[in-house]
Amino acid sequence: MQIGVAYSEAGQQIWLNIEVPDEATVREAIHKSGILKSFPTIDLETQKVGVFGRLVKLDAPLKPGDRIEIYRAITCDPQTVPRRDGVGGEEDE
């Protein structure tokens, strides 16, 4: 069956369509896709994965046409994020 594997990081994204056996799991499909070699920073033990935006476990079975998404942690630079009023314990005078 054919499924997709998608991953994105700053400035680079990839979406692969691959063939996997009918009984393939999310983990097996990710490994078969080769995406872990292209993005060695992916850590399946800590990063979440989903199918069509819905979180799933690595041993979840796949259906034809599924799109596996590997999520990365959201990070931001505190210097570039605007402060909201009342955040940080300071009060308006």
PDB file of N, CA and C in Angstrom:
ATOM      1  N   MET A   1       0.841  -1.176   0.000  1.00  0.00           N
ATOM      2  CA  MET A   1       0.000   0.000   0.000  1.00  0.00           C
ATOM      3  C   MET A   1       0.882   1.233   0.000  1.00  0.00           C
ATOM      4  N   GLN A   2       0.355   2.325  -0.508  1.00  0.00           N
ATOM      5  CA  GLN A   2       1.114   3.563  -0.573  1.00  0.00           C
ATOM      6  C   GLN A   2       0.708   4.481   0.576  1.00  0.00           C
ATOM      7  N   ILE A   3       1.721   5.070   1.232  1.00  0.00           N
ATOM      8  CA  ILE A   3       1.492   6.044   2.308  1.00  0.00           C
ATOM      9  C   ILE A   3       2.479   7.197   2.108  1.00  0.00           C
ATOM     10  N   GLY A   4       2.283   8.261   2.866  1.00  0.00           N
ATOM     11  CA  GLY A   4       3.194   9.396   2.818  1.00  0.00           C
ATOM     12  C   GLY A   4       3.860   9.601   4.164  1.00  0.00           C
ATOM     13  N   VAL A   5       5.057  10.179   4.137  1.00  0.00           N
ATOM     14  CA  VAL A   5       5.772  10.538   5.355  1.00  0.00           C
ATOM     15  C   VAL A   5       6.207  11.988   5.189  1.00  0.00           C
ATOM     16  N   ALA A   6       5.844  12.833   6.161  1.00  0.00           N
ATOM     17  CA  ALA A   6       6.150  14.262   6.076  1.00  0.00           C
ATOM     18  C   ALA A   6       6.910  14.733   7.304  1.00  0.00           C
ATOM     19  N   TYR A   7       7.859  15.643   7.061  1.00  0.00           N
ATOM     20  CA  TYR A   7       8.625  16.260   8.154  1.00  0.00           C
ATOM     21  C   TYR A   7       9.082  17.627   7.688  1.00  0.00           C
ATOM     22  N   SER A   8       9.152  18.565   8.631  1.00  0.00           N
ATOM     23  CA  SER A   8       9.574  19.912   8.298  1.00  0.00           C
ATOM     24  C   SER A   8      10.426  20.465   9.424  1.00  0.00           C
ATOM     25  N   GLU A   9      11.479  21.165   9.037  1.00  0.00           N
ATOM     26  CA  GLU A   9      12.234  21.939  10.015  1.00  0.00           C
ATOM     27  C   GLU A   9      12.588  23.253   9.330  1.00  0.00           C
ATOM     28  N   ALA A  10      13.115  24.169  10.081  1.00  0.00           N
ATOM     29  CA  ALA A  10      13.362  25.517   9.569  1.00  0.00           C
ATOM     30  C   ALA A  10      14.035  25.487   8.198  1.00  0.00           C
ATOM     31  N   GLY A  11      13.347  26.023   7.211  1.00  0.00           N
ATOM     32  CA  GLY A  11      13.906  26.140   5.874  1.00  0.00           C
ATOM     33  C   GLY A  11      13.932  24.872   5.044  1.00  0.00           C
ATOM     34  N   GLN A  12      13.456  23.761   5.569  1.00  0.00           N
ATOM     35  CA  GLN A  12      13.510  22.516   4.809  1.00  0.00           C
ATOM     36  C   GLN A  12      12.323  21.628   5.171  1.00  0.00           C
ATOM     37  N   GLN A  13      11.689  21.090   4.168  1.00  0.00           N
ATOM     38  CA  GLN A  13      10.588  20.164   4.407  1.00  0.00           C
ATOM     39  C   GLN A  13      10.635  19.048   3.375  1.00  0.00           C
ATOM     40  N   ILE A  14      10.056  17.945   3.764  1.00  0.00           N
ATOM     41  CA  ILE A  14      10.077  16.787   2.865  1.00  0.00           C
ATOM     42  C   ILE A  14       8.762  16.023   3.012  1.00  0.00           C
ATOM     43  N   TRP A  15       8.289  15.536   1.895  1.00  0.00           N
ATOM     44  CA  TRP A  15       7.102  14.675   1.880  1.00  0.00           C
ATOM     45  C   TRP A  15       7.406  13.544   0.908  1.00  0.00           C
ATOM     46  N   LEU A  16       7.473  12.344   1.450  1.00  0.00           N
ATOM     47  CA  LEU A  16       7.799  11.170   0.651  1.00  0.00           C
ATOM     48  C   LEU A  16       6.578  10.280   0.501  1.00  0.00           C
ATOM     49  N   ASN A  17       6.380   9.749  -0.679  1.00  0.00           N
ATOM     50  CA  ASN A  17       5.367   8.718  -0.905  1.00  0.00           C
ATOM     51  C   ASN A  17       6.109   7.404  -1.075  1.00  0.00           C
ATOM     52  N   ILE A  18       5.738   6.414  -0.264  1.00  0.00           N
ATOM     53  CA  ILE A  18       6.436   5.129  -0.314  1.00  0.00           C
ATOM     54  C   ILE A  18       5.436   3.980  -0.293  1.00  0.00           C
ATOM     55  N   GLU A  19       5.916   2.827  -0.714  1.00  0.00           N
ATOM     56  CA  GLU A  19       5.141   1.582  -0.647  1.00  0.00           C
ATOM     57  C   GLU A  19       5.568   0.819   0.599  1.00  0.00           C
ATOM     58  N   VAL A  20       4.589   0.348   1.359  1.00  0.00           N
ATOM     59  CA  VAL A  20       4.864  -0.462   2.544  1.00  0.00           C
ATOM     60  C   VAL A  20       3.942  -1.675   2.519  1.00  0.00           C
ATOM     61  N   PRO A  21       4.327  -2.738   3.234  1.00  0.00           N
ATOM     62  CA  PRO A  21       3.433  -3.906   3.309  1.00  0.00           C
ATOM     63  C   PRO A  21       2.100  -3.535   3.970  1.00  0.00           C
ATOM     64  N   ASP A  22       1.070  -4.285   3.673  1.00  0.00           N
ATOM     65  CA  ASP A  22      -0.267  -4.002   4.205  1.00  0.00           C
ATOM     66  C   ASP A  22      -0.315  -3.971   5.731  1.00  0.00           C
ATOM     67  N   GLU A  23       0.557  -4.731   6.393  1.00  0.00           N
ATOM     68  CA  GLU A  23       0.529  -4.795   7.858  1.00  0.00           C
ATOM     69  C   GLU A  23       1.531  -3.832   8.508  1.00  0.00           C
ATOM     70  N   ALA A  24       2.074  -2.867   7.770  1.00  0.00           N
ATOM     71  CA  ALA A  24       3.104  -1.962   8.280  1.00  0.00           C
ATOM     72  C   ALA A  24       2.580  -1.064   9.401  1.00  0.00           C
ATOM     73  N   THR A  25       3.489  -0.763  10.327  1.00  0.00           N
ATOM     74  CA  THR A  25       3.191   0.183  11.409  1.00  0.00           C
ATOM     75  C   THR A  25       3.827   1.534  11.080  1.00  0.00           C
ATOM     76  N   VAL A  26       3.474   2.529  11.870  1.00  0.00           N
ATOM     77  CA  VAL A  26       4.041   3.861  11.694  1.00  0.00           C
ATOM     78  C   VAL A  26       5.568   3.804  11.786  1.00  0.00           C
ATOM     79  N   ARG A  27       6.092   3.138  12.818  1.00  0.00           N
ATOM     80  CA  ARG A  27       7.552   3.040  12.998  1.00  0.00           C
ATOM     81  C   ARG A  27       8.221   2.390  11.777  1.00  0.00           C
ATOM     82  N   GLU A  28       7.653   1.276  11.306  1.00  0.00           N
ATOM     83  CA  GLU A  28       8.236   0.578  10.163  1.00  0.00           C
ATOM     84  C   GLU A  28       8.256   1.465   8.924  1.00  0.00           C
ATOM     85  N   ALA A  29       7.182   2.192   8.698  1.00  0.00           N
ATOM     86  CA  ALA A  29       7.109   3.070   7.527  1.00  0.00           C
ATOM     87  C   ALA A  29       8.123   4.208   7.623  1.00  0.00           C
ATOM     88  N   ILE A  30       8.280   4.778   8.803  1.00  0.00           N
ATOM     89  CA  ILE A  30       9.263   5.854   8.974  1.00  0.00           C
ATOM     90  C   ILE A  30      10.661   5.328   8.661  1.00  0.00           C
ATOM     91  N   HIS A  31      10.993   4.166   9.200  1.00  0.00           N
ATOM     92  CA  HIS A  31      12.317   3.592   8.934  1.00  0.00           C
ATOM     93  C   HIS A  31      12.492   3.274   7.443  1.00  0.00           C
ATOM     94  N   LYS A  32      11.474   2.702   6.828  1.00  0.00           N
ATOM     95  CA  LYS A  32      11.564   2.338   5.402  1.00  0.00           C
ATOM     96  C   LYS A  32      11.708   3.578   4.520  1.00  0.00           C
ATOM     97  N   SER A  33      11.148   4.702   4.950  1.00  0.00           N
ATOM     98  CA  SER A  33      11.187   5.916   4.135  1.00  0.00           C
ATOM     99  C   SER A  33      12.598   6.484   3.979  1.00  0.00           C
ATOM    100  N   GLY A  34      13.497   6.180   4.922  1.00  0.00           N
ATOM    101  CA  GLY A  34      14.840   6.740   4.873  1.00  0.00           C
ATOM    102  C   GLY A  34      14.946   8.146   5.425  1.00  0.00           C
ATOM    103  N   ILE A  35      13.852   8.668   5.934  1.00  0.00           N
ATOM    104  CA  ILE A  35      13.830  10.042   6.422  1.00  0.00           C
ATOM    105  C   ILE A  35      14.771  10.249   7.619  1.00  0.00           C
ATOM    106  N   LEU A  36      15.003   9.186   8.400  1.00  0.00           N
ATOM    107  CA  LEU A  36      15.886   9.306   9.558  1.00  0.00           C
ATOM    108  C   LEU A  36      17.338   9.504   9.130  1.00  0.00           C
ATOM    109  N   LYS A  37      17.695   9.051   7.949  1.00  0.00           N
ATOM    110  CA  LYS A  37      19.047   9.283   7.427  1.00  0.00           C
ATOM    111  C   LYS A  37      19.177  10.703   6.897  1.00  0.00           C
ATOM    112  N   SER A  38      18.110  11.219   6.304  1.00  0.00           N
ATOM    113  CA  SER A  38      18.132  12.580   5.777  1.00  0.00           C
ATOM    114  C   SER A  38      18.081  13.624   6.888  1.00  0.00           C
ATOM    115  N   PHE A  39      17.421  13.293   7.983  1.00  0.00           N
ATOM    116  CA  PHE A  39      17.277  14.197   9.124  1.00  0.00           C
ATOM    117  C   PHE A  39      17.731  13.469  10.392  1.00  0.00           C
ATOM    118  N   PRO A  40      19.038  13.377  10.630  1.00  0.00           N
ATOM    119  CA  PRO A  40      19.535  12.615  11.785  1.00  0.00           C
ATOM    120  C   PRO A  40      19.137  13.203  13.137  1.00  0.00           C
ATOM    121  N   THR A  41      18.618  14.416  13.143  1.00  0.00           N
ATOM    122  CA  THR A  41      18.182  15.024  14.410  1.00  0.00           C
ATOM    123  C   THR A  41      16.830  14.497  14.874  1.00  0.00           C
ATOM    124  N   ILE A  42      16.109  13.784  14.021  1.00  0.00           N
ATOM    125  CA  ILE A  42      14.817  13.215  14.429  1.00  0.00           C
ATOM    126  C   ILE A  42      15.065  12.155  15.496  1.00  0.00           C
ATOM    127  N   ASP A  43      14.341  12.263  16.603  1.00  0.00           N
ATOM    128  CA  ASP A  43      14.439  11.292  17.696  1.00  0.00           C
ATOM    129  C   ASP A  43      13.036  10.752  17.962  1.00  0.00           C
ATOM    130  N   LEU A  44      12.753   9.572  17.459  1.00  0.00           N
ATOM    131  CA  LEU A  44      11.408   9.006  17.600  1.00  0.00           C
ATOM    132  C   LEU A  44      11.049   8.683  19.044  1.00  0.00           C
ATOM    133  N   GLU A  45      12.030   8.627  19.920  1.00  0.00           N
ATOM    134  CA  GLU A  45      11.741   8.361  21.338  1.00  0.00           C
ATOM    135  C   GLU A  45      11.188   9.603  22.036  1.00  0.00           C
ATOM    136  N   THR A  46      11.460  10.787  21.509  1.00  0.00           N
ATOM    137  CA  THR A  46      10.984  12.016  22.156  1.00  0.00           C
ATOM    138  C   THR A  46       9.997  12.806  21.304  1.00  0.00           C
ATOM    139  N   GLN A  47      10.111  12.706  19.981  1.00  0.00           N
ATOM    140  CA  GLN A  47       9.218  13.471  19.122  1.00  0.00           C
ATOM    141  C   GLN A  47       7.901  12.735  18.911  1.00  0.00           C
ATOM    142  N   LYS A  48       6.846  13.512  18.803  1.00  0.00           N
ATOM    143  CA  LYS A  48       5.524  12.925  18.566  1.00  0.00           C
ATOM    144  C   LYS A  48       5.314  12.711  17.082  1.00  0.00           C
ATOM    145  N   VAL A  49       4.447  11.765  16.767  1.00  0.00           N
ATOM    146  CA  VAL A  49       4.083  11.501  15.380  1.00  0.00           C
ATOM    147  C   VAL A  49       2.563  11.446  15.280  1.00  0.00           C
ATOM    148  N   GLY A  50       2.079  11.692  14.084  1.00  0.00           N
ATOM    149  CA  GLY A  50       0.641  11.652  13.866  1.00  0.00           C
ATOM    150  C   GLY A  50       0.322  11.160  12.473  1.00  0.00           C
ATOM    151  N   VAL A  51      -0.946  10.900  12.259  1.00  0.00           N
ATOM    152  CA  VAL A  51      -1.463  10.559  10.938  1.00  0.00           C
ATOM    153  C   VAL A  51      -2.591  11.541  10.667  1.00  0.00           C
ATOM    154  N   PHE A  52      -2.419  12.338   9.633  1.00  0.00           N
ATOM    155  CA  PHE A  52      -3.391  13.377   9.282  1.00  0.00           C
ATOM    156  C   PHE A  52      -3.715  14.283  10.473  1.00  0.00           C
ATOM    157  N   GLY A  53      -2.677  14.711  11.206  1.00  0.00           N
ATOM    158  CA  GLY A  53      -2.862  15.670  12.292  1.00  0.00           C
ATOM    159  C   GLY A  53      -3.351  15.080  13.597  1.00  0.00           C
ATOM    160  N   ARG A  54      -3.458  13.783  13.681  1.00  0.00           N
ATOM    161  CA  ARG A  54      -3.942  13.116  14.887  1.00  0.00           C
ATOM    162  C   ARG A  54      -2.813  12.291  15.492  1.00  0.00           C
ATOM    163  N   LEU A  55      -2.460  12.553  16.759  1.00  0.00           N
ATOM    164  CA  LEU A  55      -1.355  11.842  17.391  1.00  0.00           C
ATOM    165  C   LEU A  55      -1.608  10.341  17.408  1.00  0.00           C
ATOM    166  N   VAL A  56      -0.557   9.573  17.092  1.00  0.00           N
ATOM    167  CA  VAL A  56      -0.629   8.112  17.114  1.00  0.00           C
ATOM    168  C   VAL A  56       0.645   7.564  17.744  1.00  0.00           C
ATOM    169  N   LYS A  57       0.584   6.316  18.173  1.00  0.00           N
ATOM    170  CA  LYS A  57       1.764   5.636  18.698  1.00  0.00           C
ATOM    171  C   LYS A  57       2.541   5.035  17.529  1.00  0.00           C
ATOM    172  N   LEU A  58       3.820   4.794  17.757  1.00  0.00           N
ATOM    173  CA  LEU A  58       4.670   4.258  16.694  1.00  0.00           C
ATOM    174  C   LEU A  58       4.242   2.873  16.226  1.00  0.00           C
ATOM    175  N   ASP A  59       3.546   2.128  17.084  1.00  0.00           N
ATOM    176  CA  ASP A  59       3.118   0.783  16.683  1.00  0.00           C
ATOM    177  C   ASP A  59       1.711   0.765  16.069  1.00  0.00           C
ATOM    178  N   ALA A  60       1.173   1.945  15.781  1.00  0.00           N
ATOM    179  CA  ALA A  60      -0.162   2.023  15.164  1.00  0.00           C
ATOM    180  C   ALA A  60      -0.121   1.467  13.742  1.00  0.00           C
ATOM    181  N   PRO A  61      -1.133   0.674  13.368  1.00  0.00           N
ATOM    182  CA  PRO A  61      -1.183   0.159  11.994  1.00  0.00           C
ATOM    183  C   PRO A  61      -1.576   1.270  11.021  1.00  0.00           C
ATOM    184  N   LEU A  62      -1.174   1.102   9.792  1.00  0.00           N
ATOM    185  CA  LEU A  62      -1.472   2.094   8.757  1.00  0.00           C
ATOM    186  C   LEU A  62      -2.554   1.600   7.814  1.00  0.00           C
ATOM    187  N   LYS A  63      -3.193   2.570   7.155  1.00  0.00           N
ATOM    188  CA  LYS A  63      -4.178   2.273   6.117  1.00  0.00           C
ATOM    189  C   LYS A  63      -3.686   2.893   4.815  1.00  0.00           C
ATOM    190  N   PRO A  64      -4.107   2.358   3.678  1.00  0.00           N
ATOM    191  CA  PRO A  64      -3.678   2.943   2.405  1.00  0.00           C
ATOM    192  C   PRO A  64      -3.986   4.444   2.350  1.00  0.00           C
ATOM    193  N   GLY A  65      -3.005   5.207   1.896  1.00  0.00           N
ATOM    194  CA  GLY A  65      -3.183   6.650   1.740  1.00  0.00           C
ATOM    195  C   GLY A  65      -2.875   7.467   2.975  1.00  0.00           C
ATOM    196  N   ASP A  66      -2.564   6.819   4.107  1.00  0.00           N
ATOM    197  CA  ASP A  66      -2.247   7.578   5.322  1.00  0.00           C
ATOM    198  C   ASP A  66      -1.031   8.474   5.096  1.00  0.00           C
ATOM    199  N   ARG A  67      -1.013   9.614   5.797  1.00  0.00           N
ATOM    200  CA  ARG A  67       0.136  10.517   5.784  1.00  0.00           C
ATOM    201  C   ARG A  67       0.690  10.593   7.198  1.00  0.00           C
ATOM    202  N   ILE A  68       1.872  10.052   7.400  1.00  0.00           N
ATOM    203  CA  ILE A  68       2.543  10.120   8.696  1.00  0.00           C
ATOM    204  C   ILE A  68       3.227  11.475   8.794  1.00  0.00           C
ATOM    205  N   GLU A  69       3.051  12.137   9.931  1.00  0.00           N
ATOM    206  CA  GLU A  69       3.690  13.424  10.171  1.00  0.00           C
ATOM    207  C   GLU A  69       4.576  13.292  11.404  1.00  0.00           C
ATOM    208  N   ILE A  70       5.818  13.686  11.283  1.00  0.00           N
ATOM    209  CA  ILE A  70       6.746  13.682  12.412  1.00  0.00           C
ATOM    210  C   ILE A  70       6.814  15.115  12.911  1.00  0.00           C
ATOM    211  N   TYR A  71       6.443  15.316  14.170  1.00  0.00           N
ATOM    212  CA  TYR A  71       6.380  16.661  14.728  1.00  0.00           C
ATOM    213  C   TYR A  71       7.670  16.995  15.460  1.00  0.00           C
ATOM    214  N   ARG A  72       8.081  18.228  15.370  1.00  0.00           N
ATOM    215  CA  ARG A  72       9.258  18.669  16.115  1.00  0.00           C
ATOM    216  C   ARG A  72       8.797  19.611  17.216  1.00  0.00           C
ATOM    217  N   ALA A  73       9.649  19.771  18.212  1.00  0.00           N
ATOM    218  CA  ALA A  73       9.317  20.665  19.315  1.00  0.00           C
ATOM    219  C   ALA A  73       9.221  22.095  18.792  1.00  0.00           C
ATOM    220  N   ILE A  74       8.271  22.825  19.325  1.00  0.00           N
ATOM    221  CA  ILE A  74       8.140  24.231  18.955  1.00  0.00           C
ATOM    222  C   ILE A  74       9.119  25.015  19.813  1.00  0.00           C
ATOM    223  N   THR A  75       9.974  25.742  19.147  1.00  0.00           N
ATOM    224  CA  THR A  75      10.943  26.558  19.865  1.00  0.00           C
ATOM    225  C   THR A  75      10.808  27.999  19.409  1.00  0.00           C
ATOM    226  N   CYS A  76      11.138  28.888  20.289  1.00  0.00           N
ATOM    227  CA  CYS A  76      11.098  30.304  19.925  1.00  0.00           C
ATOM    228  C   CYS A  76      12.187  31.038  20.687  1.00  0.00           C
ATOM    229  N   ASP A  77      12.593  32.131  20.142  1.00  0.00           N
ATOM    230  CA  ASP A  77      13.584  32.986  20.773  1.00  0.00           C
ATOM    231  C   ASP A  77      12.831  33.987  21.641  1.00  0.00           C
ATOM    232  N   PRO A  78      13.039  33.966  22.968  1.00  0.00           N
ATOM    233  CA  PRO A  78      12.300  34.873  23.843  1.00  0.00           C
ATOM    234  C   PRO A  78      12.503  36.342  23.492  1.00  0.00           C
ATOM    235  N   GLN A  79      13.592  36.669  22.818  1.00  0.00           N
ATOM    236  CA  GLN A  79      13.846  38.054  22.432  1.00  0.00           C
ATOM    237  C   GLN A  79      12.921  38.511  21.302  1.00  0.00           C
ATOM    238  N   THR A  80      12.365  37.564  20.541  1.00  0.00           N
ATOM    239  CA  THR A  80      11.534  37.929  19.400  1.00  0.00           C
ATOM    240  C   THR A  80      10.043  37.763  19.660  1.00  0.00           C
ATOM    241  N   VAL A  81       9.691  37.228  20.824  1.00  0.00           N
ATOM    242  CA  VAL A  81       8.284  37.005  21.151  1.00  0.00           C
ATOM    243  C   VAL A  81       7.779  38.181  21.982  1.00  0.00           C
ATOM    244  N   PRO A  82       6.742  38.862  21.517  1.00  0.00           N
ATOM    245  CA  PRO A  82       6.222  39.992  22.296  1.00  0.00           C
ATOM    246  C   PRO A  82       5.677  39.536  23.645  1.00  0.00           C
ATOM    247  N   ARG A  83       5.922  40.338  24.658  1.00  0.00           N
ATOM    248  CA  ARG A  83       5.386  40.042  25.989  1.00  0.00           C
ATOM    249  C   ARG A  83       3.917  40.405  26.052  1.00  0.00           C
ATOM    250  N   ARG A  84       3.156  39.585  26.764  1.00  0.00           N
ATOM    251  CA  ARG A  84       1.743  39.884  26.988  1.00  0.00           C
ATOM    252  C   ARG A  84       1.611  40.597  28.325  1.00  0.00           C
ATOM    253  N   ASP A  85       0.662  41.496  28.448  1.00  0.00           N
ATOM    254  CA  ASP A  85       0.423  42.198  29.713  1.00  0.00           C
ATOM    255  C   ASP A  85       0.141  41.193  30.815  1.00  0.00           C
ATOM    256  N   GLY A  86       0.733  41.431  31.986  1.00  0.00           N
ATOM    257  CA  GLY A  86       0.476  40.584  33.134  1.00  0.00           C
ATOM    258  C   GLY A  86       1.333  39.343  33.185  1.00  0.00           C
ATOM    259  N   VAL A  87       2.190  39.124  32.211  1.00  0.00           N
ATOM    260  CA  VAL A  87       3.051  37.955  32.194  1.00  0.00           C
ATOM    261  C   VAL A  87       4.341  38.282  32.946  1.00  0.00           C
ATOM    262  N   GLY A  88       4.794  37.369  33.769  1.00  0.00           N
ATOM    263  CA  GLY A  88       6.054  37.569  34.451  1.00  0.00           C
ATOM    264  C   GLY A  88       5.907  38.233  35.813  1.00  0.00           C
ATOM    265  N   GLY A  89       4.712  38.396  36.297  1.00  0.00           N
ATOM    266  CA  GLY A  89       4.490  38.931  37.633  1.00  0.00           C
ATOM    267  C   GLY A  89       4.508  40.437  37.738  1.00  0.00           C
ATOM    268  N   GLU A  90       4.789  41.138  36.646  1.00  0.00           N
ATOM    269  CA  GLU A  90       4.773  42.595  36.697  1.00  0.00           C
ATOM    270  C   GLU A  90       3.352  43.084  36.482  1.00  0.00           C
ATOM    271  N   GLU A  91       2.990  44.103  37.247  1.00  0.00           N
ATOM    272  CA  GLU A  91       1.638  44.655  37.102  1.00  0.00           C
ATOM    273  C   GLU A  91       1.719  46.042  36.510  1.00  0.00           C
ATOM    274  N   ASP A  92       0.704  46.417  35.763  1.00  0.00           N
ATOM    275  CA  ASP A  92       0.632  47.776  35.205  1.00  0.00           C
ATOM    276  C   ASP A  92       0.414  48.765  36.334  1.00  0.00           C
ATOM    277  N   GLU A  93       1.054  49.933  36.235  1.00  0.00           N
ATOM    278  CA  GLU A  93       0.874  50.963  37.265  1.00  0.00           C
ATOM    279  C   GLU A  93      -0.095  52.019  36.806  1.00  0.00           C
TER     280      GLU A  93
END
